[in-house]
Each structure stands twice: as structure tokens, then as C-alpha cells.
PDB file of N, CA and C in Angstrom:
ATOM      1  N   MET A   1     128.670 145.816 -10.719  1.00  0.00           N
ATOM      2  CA  MET A   1     129.532 144.613 -10.932  1.00  0.00           C
ATOM      3  C   MET A   1     130.144 144.304  -9.525  1.00  0.00           C
ATOM      4  N   ARG A   2     129.868 142.720  -9.019  1.00  0.00           N
ATOM      5  CA  ARG A   2     130.180 142.352  -7.728  1.00  0.00           C
ATOM      6  C   ARG A   2     131.461 141.966  -8.044  1.00  0.00           C
ATOM      7  N   ALA A   3     132.214 142.527  -6.861  1.00  0.00           N
ATOM      8  CA  ALA A   3     133.886 141.998  -6.174  1.00  0.00           C
ATOM      9  C   ALA A   3     134.096 140.425  -6.617  1.00  0.00           C
ATOM     10  N   ILE A   4     135.344 140.076  -7.202  1.00  0.00           N
ATOM     11  CA  ILE A   4     135.180 138.508  -6.973  1.00  0.00           C
ATOM     12  C   ILE A   4     136.016 138.028  -5.283  1.00  0.00           C
ATOM     13  N   GLU A   5     135.046 137.300  -4.739  1.00  0.00           N
ATOM     14  CA  GLU A   5     135.303 136.701  -3.407  1.00  0.00           C
ATOM     15  C   GLU A   5     136.717 135.842  -3.524  1.00  0.00           C
ATOM     16  N   PRO A   6     137.566 135.783  -2.450  1.00  0.00           N
ATOM     17  CA  PRO A   6     138.514 134.754  -2.503  1.00  0.00           C
ATOM     18  C   PRO A   6     137.788 133.372  -2.235  1.00  0.00           C
ATOM     19  N   LEU A   7     138.420 132.363  -2.590  1.00  0.00           N
ATOM     20  CA  LEU A   7     137.690 130.734  -2.342  1.00  0.00           C
ATOM     21  C   LEU A   7     137.765 130.771  -0.749  1.00  0.00           C
ATOM     22  N   ARG A   8     136.895 129.892  -0.437  1.00  0.00           N
ATOM     23  CA  ARG A   8     136.837 129.705   0.930  1.00  0.00           C
ATOM     24  C   ARG A   8     137.229 128.105   1.100  1.00  0.00           C
ATOM     25  N   PRO A   9     137.601 127.637   2.256  1.00  0.00           N
ATOM     26  CA  PRO A   9     137.692 126.264   2.429  1.00  0.00           C
ATOM     27  C   PRO A   9     136.648 125.485   1.958  1.00  0.00           C
ATOM     28  N   GLY A  10     136.800 124.316   1.241  1.00  0.00           N
ATOM     29  CA  GLY A  10     135.674 123.586   0.743  1.00  0.00           C
ATOM     30  C   GLY A  10     135.179 123.941  -0.658  1.00  0.00           C
ATOM     31  N   ASP A  11     135.717 124.907  -1.166  1.00  0.00           N
ATOM     32  CA  ASP A  11     135.357 125.528  -2.400  1.00  0.00           C
ATOM     33  C   ASP A  11     136.450 124.742  -3.523  1.00  0.00           C
ATOM     34  N   PRO A  12     135.607 124.515  -4.479  1.00  0.00           N
ATOM     35  CA  PRO A  12     136.643 123.605  -5.657  1.00  0.00           C
ATOM     36  C   PRO A  12     137.823 124.331  -6.122  1.00  0.00           C
ATOM     37  N   ARG A  13     139.003 123.637  -6.079  1.00  0.00           N
ATOM     38  CA  ARG A  13     140.173 124.407  -6.725  1.00  0.00           C
ATOM     39  C   ARG A  13     140.224 124.185  -8.138  1.00  0.00           C
ATOM     40  N   ARG A  14     139.397 123.067  -8.837  1.00  0.00           N
ATOM     41  CA  ARG A  14     139.436 123.093 -10.239  1.00  0.00           C
ATOM     42  C   ARG A  14     138.399 122.388 -10.270  1.00  0.00           C
ATOM     43  N   LEU A  15     138.014 122.624 -11.564  1.00  0.00           N
ATOM     44  CA  LEU A  15     136.329 122.134 -12.180  1.00  0.00           C
ATOM     45  C   LEU A  15     136.747 121.569 -13.728  1.00  0.00           C
ATOM     46  N   GLY A  16     136.896 120.324 -13.712  1.00  0.00           N
ATOM     47  CA  GLY A  16     137.449 119.944 -15.085  1.00  0.00           C
ATOM     48  C   GLY A  16     138.898 120.411 -15.662  1.00  0.00           C
ATOM     49  N   GLY A  17     138.775 120.826 -16.624  1.00  0.00           N
ATOM     50  CA  GLY A  17     140.052 121.765 -17.258  1.00  0.00           C
ATOM     51  C   GLY A  17     140.309 122.911 -16.947  1.00  0.00           C
ATOM     52  N   TYR A  18     139.657 123.666 -15.898  1.00  0.00           N
ATOM     53  CA  TYR A  18     139.492 124.550 -15.539  1.00  0.00           C
ATOM     54  C   TYR A  18     139.861 124.900 -13.593  1.00  0.00           C
ATOM     55  N   ARG A  19     140.895 126.342 -13.809  1.00  0.00           N
ATOM     56  CA  ARG A  19     141.516 126.508 -12.597  1.00  0.00           C
ATOM     57  C   ARG A  19     140.541 127.576 -11.876  1.00  0.00           C
ATOM     58  N   VAL A  20     139.738 127.386 -10.744  1.00  0.00           N
ATOM     59  CA  VAL A  20     139.238 127.769  -9.964  1.00  0.00           C
ATOM     60  C   VAL A  20     139.956 129.337  -9.379  1.00  0.00           C
ATOM     61  N   ILE A  21     139.417 130.353  -9.723  1.00  0.00           N
ATOM     62  CA  ILE A  21     140.203 131.929  -9.246  1.00  0.00           C
ATOM     63  C   ILE A  21     139.399 132.510  -8.081  1.00  0.00           C
ATOM     64  N   GLY A  22     138.382 132.623  -8.176  1.00  0.00           N
ATOM     65  CA  GLY A  22     137.874 133.070  -7.099  1.00  0.00           C
ATOM     66  C   GLY A  22     136.028 132.618  -7.351  1.00  0.00           C
ATOM     67  N   ARG A  23     135.247 133.346  -6.326  1.00  0.00           N
ATOM     68  CA  ARG A  23     133.570 133.194  -6.091  1.00  0.00           C
ATOM     69  C   ARG A  23     132.980 134.365  -6.593  1.00  0.00           C
ATOM     70  N   ILE A  24     132.101 134.558  -7.685  1.00  0.00           N
ATOM     71  CA  ILE A  24     131.527 135.519  -7.991  1.00  0.00           C
ATOM     72  C   ILE A  24     130.001 135.919  -7.370  1.00  0.00           C
ATOM     73  N   ASP A  25     129.443 134.837  -7.187  1.00  0.00           N
ATOM     74  CA  ASP A  25     127.963 134.879  -6.310  1.00  0.00           C
ATOM     75  C   ASP A  25     127.572 133.550  -5.982  1.00  0.00           C
ATOM     76  N   ARG A  26     126.636 133.603  -5.237  1.00  0.00           N
ATOM     77  CA  ARG A  26     125.725 132.478  -4.744  1.00  0.00           C
ATOM     78  C   ARG A  26     123.946 132.751  -5.134  1.00  0.00           C
ATOM     79  N   GLY A  27     123.372 131.792  -5.098  1.00  0.00           N
ATOM     80  CA  GLY A  27     122.078 132.108  -5.278  1.00  0.00           C
ATOM     81  C   GLY A  27     121.369 130.583  -4.687  1.00  0.00           C
ATOM     82  N   GLY A  28     119.928 130.453  -5.690  1.00  0.00           N
ATOM     83  CA  GLY A  28     119.313 129.090  -5.448  1.00  0.00           C
ATOM     84  C   GLY A  28     119.723 128.298  -6.202  1.00  0.00           C
ATOM     85  N   GLN A  29     120.359 128.411  -7.111  1.00  0.00           N
ATOM     86  CA  GLN A  29     120.956 127.355  -8.155  1.00  0.00           C
ATOM     87  C   GLN A  29     122.203 126.626  -7.774  1.00  0.00           C
ATOM     88  N   GLY A  30     122.916 127.578  -6.912  1.00  0.00           N
ATOM     89  CA  GLY A  30     124.182 127.144  -6.449  1.00  0.00           C
ATOM     90  C   GLY A  30     125.208 128.290  -6.552  1.00  0.00           C
ATOM     91  N   GLU A  31     126.359 127.950  -6.575  1.00  0.00           N
ATOM     92  CA  GLU A  31     127.747 129.040  -6.518  1.00  0.00           C
ATOM     93  C   GLU A  31     128.090 129.284  -7.729  1.00  0.00           C
ATOM     94  N   VAL A  32     128.620 130.299  -8.076  1.00  0.00           N
ATOM     95  CA  VAL A  32     129.414 130.812  -9.258  1.00  0.00           C
ATOM     96  C   VAL A  32     130.411 131.236  -9.245  1.00  0.00           C
ATOM     97  N   TYR A  33     131.325 130.651  -9.903  1.00  0.00           N
ATOM     98  CA  TYR A  33     132.797 130.507  -9.656  1.00  0.00           C
ATOM     99  C   TYR A  33     133.413 131.231 -10.653  1.00  0.00           C
ATOM    100  N   LEU A  34     134.572 131.972 -11.141  1.00  0.00           N
ATOM    101  CA  LEU A  34     135.317 132.492 -11.917  1.00  0.00           C
ATOM    102  C   LEU A  34     136.434 131.485 -11.955  1.00  0.00           C
ATOM    103  N   ALA A  35     136.610 130.898 -13.483  1.00  0.00           N
ATOM    104  CA  ALA A  35     137.670 130.125 -13.815  1.00  0.00           C
ATOM    105  C   ALA A  35     138.846 130.413 -14.709  1.00  0.00           C
ATOM    106  N   GLU A  36     139.643 129.629 -14.950  1.00  0.00           N
ATOM    107  CA  GLU A  36     140.272 129.945 -16.520  1.00  0.00           C
ATOM    108  C   GLU A  36     140.795 128.804 -16.832  1.00  0.00           C
ATOM    109  N   ALA A  37     140.831 128.380 -18.111  1.00  0.00           N
ATOM    110  CA  ALA A  37     141.244 127.146 -18.622  1.00  0.00           C
ATOM    111  C   ALA A  37     142.795 127.025 -18.328  1.00  0.00           C
ATOM    112  N   ASP A  38     142.967 125.879 -18.505  1.00  0.00           N
ATOM    113  CA  ASP A  38     144.337 125.344 -18.447  1.00  0.00           C
ATOM    114  C   ASP A  38     145.315 125.804 -19.478  1.00  0.00           C
ATOM    115  N   GLY A  39     145.133 125.388 -20.604  1.00  0.00           N
ATOM    116  CA  GLY A  39     145.549 125.615 -22.152  1.00  0.00           C
ATOM    117  C   GLY A  39     145.399 126.920 -22.634  1.00  0.00           C
ATOM    118  N   PRO A  40     146.106 126.848 -24.048  1.00  0.00           N
ATOM    119  CA  PRO A  40     145.448 127.643 -25.199  1.00  0.00           C
ATOM    120  C   PRO A  40     144.411 127.296 -25.648  1.00  0.00           C
TER     121      PRO A  40
END
């Protein structure tokens, strides 16, 4: 399993109702981020 990398300048901090926590990976289809929902 890969380590979660910190966000870099230019990475989103929010996506919809989710707070982006870190960067998981990147590939041909784009970036993969770890995020958590705002509410319960």
C-alpha cells in the first residue's frame, strides 16, 4: 500500500461535500485523492 502524500499547491482542498486530506496516487486518468465527508 502506498503512503498518503501531503497536498501540494494547486491541489484541491475541497471536492463537493468532501474535505481533501491527501494525495494517494496519479496516473493516466488523473489524480487520486483521499477525502472525508463533511457531515455524518
